[in-house]
Amino acid sequence: MVYQRAYPKSRFSQDRLAEYAGYEMDDIPLVRTVSIDHFFYRPTSATQLAHYARLGFSLSCSS
């Protein structure tokens, strides 16, 4: 995937998800679900979850 926006290196990993989720073709979203596997590295922090919520993402958990 090629990102169209210029992201500061310090924010790329936090902000690219919004662009990724916004891709459309003929006004139809190309990506309806995005999985974030933070537990592979570490649990998602409250700050990260709040950031995703501010971006308008609906968050759910699965196992």
C-alpha atoms as a PDB file:
ATOM      1  CA  MET A   1       0.000   0.000   0.000  1.00  0.00           C
ATOM      2  CA  VAL A   2       1.221   3.472  -0.807  1.00  0.00           C
ATOM      3  CA  TYR A   3       0.219   6.225   1.560  1.00  0.00           C
ATOM      4  CA  GLN A   4      -0.726   9.548  -0.020  1.00  0.00           C
ATOM      5  CA  ARG A   5      -0.128  11.764   3.002  1.00  0.00           C
ATOM      6  CA  ALA A   6       3.216  12.796   4.409  1.00  0.00           C
ATOM      7  CA  TYR A   7       3.509  11.573   7.988  1.00  0.00           C
ATOM      8  CA  PRO A   8       6.147  12.682  10.462  1.00  0.00           C
ATOM      9  CA  LYS A   9       8.320   9.686  11.263  1.00  0.00           C
ATOM     10  CA  SER A  10       7.346   9.998  14.925  1.00  0.00           C
ATOM     11  CA  ARG A  11       3.597   9.711  14.089  1.00  0.00           C
ATOM     12  CA  PHE A  12       3.508   7.308  11.130  1.00  0.00           C
ATOM     13  CA  SER A  13       2.608   4.196  13.081  1.00  0.00           C
ATOM     14  CA  GLN A  14      -0.169   6.037  14.944  1.00  0.00           C
ATOM     15  CA  ASP A  15      -1.749   8.000  12.075  1.00  0.00           C
ATOM     16  CA  ARG A  16      -1.533   5.824   8.950  1.00  0.00           C
ATOM     17  CA  LEU A  17      -4.446   3.611  10.037  1.00  0.00           C
ATOM     18  CA  ALA A  18      -6.960   6.394   9.375  1.00  0.00           C
ATOM     19  CA  GLU A  19      -5.746   6.745   5.789  1.00  0.00           C
ATOM     20  CA  TYR A  20      -5.684   2.980   5.307  1.00  0.00           C
ATOM     21  CA  ALA A  21      -9.269   2.651   6.520  1.00  0.00           C
ATOM     22  CA  GLY A  22     -10.414   5.531   4.310  1.00  0.00           C
ATOM     23  CA  TYR A  23      -9.522   4.006   0.931  1.00  0.00           C
ATOM     24  CA  GLU A  24     -12.549   3.737  -1.357  1.00  0.00           C
ATOM     25  CA  MET A  25     -13.272   2.605  -4.892  1.00  0.00           C
ATOM     26  CA  ASP A  26     -16.464   3.891  -6.509  1.00  0.00           C
ATOM     27  CA  ASP A  27     -17.506   5.243  -3.084  1.00  0.00           C
ATOM     28  CA  ILE A  28     -17.267   1.767  -1.549  1.00  0.00           C
ATOM     29  CA  PRO A  29     -14.801   1.234   1.308  1.00  0.00           C
ATOM     30  CA  LEU A  30     -12.062  -1.208   0.303  1.00  0.00           C
ATOM     31  CA  VAL A  31     -11.308  -2.119   3.900  1.00  0.00           C
ATOM     32  CA  ARG A  32     -14.210  -2.718   6.255  1.00  0.00           C
ATOM     33  CA  THR A  33     -12.288  -4.359   9.072  1.00  0.00           C
ATOM     34  CA  VAL A  34      -8.805  -3.725  10.367  1.00  0.00           C
ATOM     35  CA  SER A  35      -7.105  -5.980  12.860  1.00  0.00           C
ATOM     36  CA  ILE A  36      -4.501  -4.659  15.239  1.00  0.00           C
ATOM     37  CA  ASP A  37      -2.505  -7.405  16.889  1.00  0.00           C
ATOM     38  CA  HIS A  38      -0.935  -5.405  19.692  1.00  0.00           C
ATOM     39  CA  PHE A  39      -0.799  -8.368  22.049  1.00  0.00           C
ATOM     40  CA  PHE A  40       1.893  -9.868  19.864  1.00  0.00           C
ATOM     41  CA  TYR A  41       4.128  -7.003  21.031  1.00  0.00           C
ATOM     42  CA  ARG A  42       2.399  -5.562  24.130  1.00  0.00           C
ATOM     43  CA  PRO A  43      -1.128  -4.718  25.307  1.00  0.00           C
ATOM     44  CA  THR A  44      -2.762  -1.666  23.753  1.00  0.00           C
ATOM     45  CA  SER A  45      -2.526   1.338  26.046  1.00  0.00           C
ATOM     46  CA  ALA A  46      -5.486   3.471  27.087  1.00  0.00           C
ATOM     47  CA  THR A  47      -3.859   6.360  25.198  1.00  0.00           C
ATOM     48  CA  GLN A  48      -3.745   4.336  21.962  1.00  0.00           C
ATOM     49  CA  LEU A  49      -7.371   3.247  22.328  1.00  0.00           C
ATOM     50  CA  ALA A  50      -8.459   6.844  22.975  1.00  0.00           C
ATOM     51  CA  HIS A  51      -6.574   7.940  19.855  1.00  0.00           C
ATOM     52  CA  TYR A  52      -8.364   5.345  17.718  1.00  0.00           C
ATOM     53  CA  ALA A  53     -11.706   6.418  19.186  1.00  0.00           C
ATOM     54  CA  ARG A  54     -10.984  10.072  18.303  1.00  0.00           C
ATOM     55  CA  LEU A  55     -10.345   8.955  14.722  1.00  0.00           C
ATOM     56  CA  GLY A  56     -13.850   7.498  14.673  1.00  0.00           C
ATOM     57  CA  PHE A  57     -13.000   3.808  14.762  1.00  0.00           C
ATOM     58  CA  SER A  58     -15.382   1.367  16.344  1.00  0.00           C
ATOM     59  CA  LEU A  59     -13.318  -0.877  18.560  1.00  0.00           C
ATOM     60  CA  SER A  60     -14.109  -4.449  19.444  1.00  0.00           C
ATOM     61  CA  CYS A  61     -12.078  -7.293  20.876  1.00  0.00           C
ATOM     62  CA  SER A  62     -11.771 -10.838  19.674  1.00  0.00           C
ATOM     63  CA  SER A  63      -9.723 -13.781  20.791  1.00  0.00           C
END
